[in-house]
Amino acid sequence: MIRQAMEADSSSEAVAAAKVVTPTRVDRSFLLQVVQPAMTGLIDGSLSTLAPIFSVALATHRPHYAFFAGLATAIGAGVSMAFSEGLSDTGDITGRGKPHVRGSITGAGTFFGGILHTLPFLISSYHAAIAAAIVVVAFELLALAAMRWRFFETGFLRSFASITVGGVIIAAVSAALGTAAGG
């Protein structure tokens, strides 16, 4: 009798521990239908818009040109990612939710990720705009790593390193193109 009680007690502890680690069906749906599309958009917007913005800034030394390049890129990338996500699957088989909702979330995330480091180029001083944009990019990378850590239980440092590698590659390409074009 005591043994049965102990087994029941330890099995209920195992079930409780499993509930803590394993997301519930509602949590899984939220991750698939909201968080994952938002993260895809934020990461894409943060990374894909770096090259056009910084290459224009480095080539022209005119922050407002970089701002318009960034604005156009953030809008274009947002629309593109919205359609890409919305048309990728109906959600019926995968359980990822309504395509227009996922597309809207991804598109908005992409725009938001792209516009954040575009806004510093409203500063008329070239050096101040570049410095502010670099600070914003660093903040974006930290925020993305924190979100991956929080929602997907990925190690913070691993997430930060992964996202930063992509950013460094893009920054190197944009710097090379911008300085080559600037002569």
Protein backbone atom coordinates (compact mmCIF):
# COMPACT_ATOMS: atom_id res chain seq x y z
CA MET A 1 0.00 0.00 0.00
CA ILE A 2 2.77 2.42 0.92
CA ARG A 3 4.68 1.40 -2.22
CA GLN A 4 1.63 2.13 -4.41
CA ALA A 5 1.27 5.53 -2.79
CA MET A 6 4.96 6.29 -3.38
CA GLU A 7 4.71 5.16 -7.03
CA ALA A 8 1.60 7.26 -7.54
CA ASP A 9 3.32 10.19 -5.87
CA SER A 10 6.47 9.88 -8.00
CA SER A 11 4.46 9.37 -11.19
CA SER A 12 2.43 12.50 -10.47
CA GLU A 13 5.73 14.36 -9.96
CA ALA A 14 6.92 13.04 -13.34
CA VAL A 15 3.69 14.18 -14.98
CA ALA A 16 4.03 17.59 -13.34
CA ALA A 17 7.64 17.86 -14.52
CA ALA A 18 6.62 16.84 -18.04
CA LYS A 19 3.96 19.54 -18.05
CA VAL A 20 6.54 22.15 -17.13
CA VAL A 21 8.91 21.11 -19.93
CA THR A 22 6.45 20.12 -22.65
CA PRO A 23 4.26 22.92 -24.01
CA THR A 24 0.55 22.33 -23.88
CA ARG A 25 -1.49 22.18 -27.07
CA VAL A 26 -2.52 25.81 -26.61
CA ASP A 27 1.09 26.85 -26.05
CA ARG A 28 2.18 24.89 -29.13
CA SER A 29 -0.51 26.55 -31.24
CA PHE A 30 0.53 29.96 -29.98
CA LEU A 31 4.16 29.18 -30.81
CA LEU A 32 3.31 27.93 -34.30
CA GLN A 33 0.68 30.51 -35.18
CA VAL A 34 2.02 33.69 -33.57
CA VAL A 35 5.51 33.51 -32.11
CA GLN A 36 7.23 31.60 -34.94
CA PRO A 37 5.84 33.84 -37.73
CA ALA A 38 6.74 36.93 -35.69
CA MET A 39 10.28 35.66 -35.07
CA THR A 40 10.72 34.77 -38.74
CA GLY A 41 9.66 38.28 -39.69
CA LEU A 42 11.76 40.03 -37.07
CA ILE A 43 14.88 38.06 -37.94
CA ASP A 44 14.39 38.51 -41.67
CA GLY A 45 13.64 42.21 -41.34
CA SER A 46 16.57 42.79 -39.03
CA LEU A 47 19.05 40.98 -41.25
CA SER A 48 17.83 41.42 -44.83
CA THR A 49 17.59 45.20 -44.65
CA LEU A 50 21.12 45.72 -43.31
CA ALA A 51 22.86 45.42 -46.69
CA PRO A 52 20.88 48.01 -48.65
CA ILE A 53 20.80 50.52 -45.80
CA PHE A 54 24.46 50.36 -44.87
CA SER A 55 25.75 50.06 -48.43
CA VAL A 56 23.84 53.21 -49.42
CA ALA A 57 25.02 55.01 -46.28
CA LEU A 58 28.65 54.06 -46.86
CA ALA A 59 28.51 54.81 -50.59
CA THR A 60 26.88 58.22 -50.35
CA HIS A 61 27.60 59.43 -46.79
CA ARG A 62 24.08 60.84 -46.93
CA PRO A 63 21.93 59.49 -44.10
CA HIS A 64 18.64 60.48 -45.72
CA TYR A 65 19.44 58.39 -48.80
CA ALA A 66 20.07 55.45 -46.50
CA PHE A 67 16.78 56.18 -44.73
CA PHE A 68 14.80 55.97 -47.96
CA ALA A 69 16.66 52.84 -49.03
CA GLY A 70 15.84 51.31 -45.65
CA LEU A 71 12.22 52.42 -45.74
CA ALA A 72 11.71 50.98 -49.22
CA THR A 73 13.47 47.77 -48.25
CA ALA A 74 11.49 47.37 -45.01
CA ILE A 75 8.18 47.90 -46.85
CA GLY A 76 9.14 45.63 -49.76
CA ALA A 77 10.50 42.90 -47.50
CA GLY A 78 7.42 43.12 -45.26
CA VAL A 79 5.03 42.69 -48.18
CA SER A 80 7.15 39.91 -49.66
CA MET A 81 7.38 38.00 -46.38
CA ALA A 82 3.65 38.44 -45.73
CA PHE A 83 2.81 36.83 -49.06
CA SER A 84 5.49 34.16 -48.68
CA GLU A 85 4.24 33.08 -45.27
CA GLY A 86 0.58 33.41 -46.21
CA LEU A 87 1.02 31.30 -49.33
CA SER A 88 3.41 28.74 -47.81
CA ASP A 89 0.63 26.48 -46.51
CA THR A 90 -3.05 26.60 -45.65
CA GLY A 91 -2.44 25.58 -42.05
CA ASP A 92 -4.91 22.71 -42.36
CA ILE A 93 -2.32 19.95 -42.31
CA THR A 94 0.39 21.63 -40.25
CA GLY A 95 -1.86 23.24 -37.64
CA ARG A 96 -0.07 26.55 -38.15
CA GLY A 97 -3.29 28.55 -38.25
CA LYS A 98 -4.90 30.80 -40.81
CA PRO A 99 -2.49 31.80 -43.58
CA HIS A 100 -3.61 35.44 -43.76
CA VAL A 101 -3.05 35.86 -40.01
CA ARG A 102 0.39 34.23 -40.13
CA GLY A 103 1.25 36.29 -43.21
CA SER A 104 0.18 39.50 -41.53
CA ILE A 105 2.22 38.71 -38.42
CA THR A 106 5.30 37.80 -40.47
CA GLY A 107 4.97 40.86 -42.71
CA ALA A 108 4.55 43.20 -39.76
CA GLY A 109 7.50 41.60 -37.98
CA THR A 110 9.65 41.97 -41.09
CA PHE A 111 8.74 45.63 -41.49
CA PHE A 112 9.34 46.31 -37.80
CA GLY A 113 12.69 44.49 -37.85
CA GLY A 114 13.77 46.50 -40.88
CA ILE A 115 12.53 49.92 -39.87
CA LEU A 116 14.17 49.96 -36.42
CA HIS A 117 17.73 50.39 -37.70
CA THR A 118 16.49 52.58 -40.54
CA LEU A 119 15.17 55.31 -38.23
CA PRO A 120 18.61 56.49 -37.06
CA PHE A 121 19.27 57.63 -40.63
CA LEU A 122 16.81 60.46 -40.05
CA ILE A 123 19.72 62.02 -38.13
CA SER A 124 21.43 64.44 -40.52
CA SER A 125 24.96 63.80 -39.24
CA TYR A 126 26.47 60.84 -41.10
CA HIS A 127 28.68 59.66 -38.22
CA ALA A 128 25.94 60.05 -35.61
CA ALA A 129 23.46 58.17 -37.82
CA ILE A 130 25.89 55.28 -38.39
CA ALA A 131 26.73 55.07 -34.68
CA ALA A 132 23.04 55.15 -33.66
CA ALA A 133 22.16 52.50 -36.27
CA ILE A 134 24.93 50.21 -34.99
CA VAL A 135 23.61 50.56 -31.44
CA VAL A 136 20.08 49.74 -32.66
CA VAL A 137 21.34 46.67 -34.56
CA ALA A 138 23.13 45.46 -31.40
CA PHE A 139 19.89 45.93 -29.43
CA GLU A 140 17.96 44.01 -32.12
CA LEU A 141 20.39 41.10 -31.97
CA LEU A 142 20.13 40.94 -28.18
CA ALA A 143 16.32 41.15 -28.29
CA LEU A 144 16.09 38.40 -30.94
CA ALA A 145 18.38 36.14 -28.92
CA ALA A 146 16.30 36.79 -25.79
CA MET A 147 13.09 35.97 -27.65
CA ARG A 148 14.54 32.70 -29.01
CA TRP A 149 15.71 31.84 -25.49
CA ARG A 150 12.32 32.69 -23.95
CA PHE A 151 9.98 31.04 -26.43
CA PHE A 152 12.04 28.25 -27.96
CA GLU A 153 14.30 27.31 -25.04
CA THR A 154 17.40 27.92 -27.16
CA GLY A 155 20.47 28.97 -25.20
CA PHE A 156 20.83 32.74 -25.13
CA LEU A 157 24.50 32.77 -26.12
CA ARG A 158 23.92 30.21 -28.87
CA SER A 159 21.02 32.27 -30.23
CA PHE A 160 23.00 35.49 -30.03
CA ALA A 161 25.98 33.91 -31.79
CA SER A 162 23.81 32.43 -34.56
CA ILE A 163 22.00 35.67 -35.29
CA THR A 164 25.20 37.71 -35.02
CA VAL A 165 26.99 35.50 -37.57
CA GLY A 166 24.27 36.31 -40.10
CA GLY A 167 24.49 40.00 -39.26
CA VAL A 168 28.28 40.04 -39.58
CA ILE A 169 28.16 38.36 -42.99
CA ILE A 170 25.59 40.84 -44.24
CA ALA A 171 27.46 43.81 -42.72
CA ALA A 172 30.69 42.71 -44.40
CA VAL A 173 28.98 42.41 -47.78
CA SER A 174 27.23 45.77 -47.42
CA ALA A 175 30.43 47.48 -46.25
CA ALA A 176 32.35 46.07 -49.22
CA LEU A 177 29.67 47.12 -51.70
CA GLY A 178 29.21 50.53 -50.10
CA THR A 179 32.90 51.38 -50.02
CA ALA A 180 33.43 50.03 -53.56
CA ALA A 181 30.56 52.15 -54.86
CA GLY A 182 31.67 55.20 -52.89
CA GLY A 183 35.01 55.04 -54.58
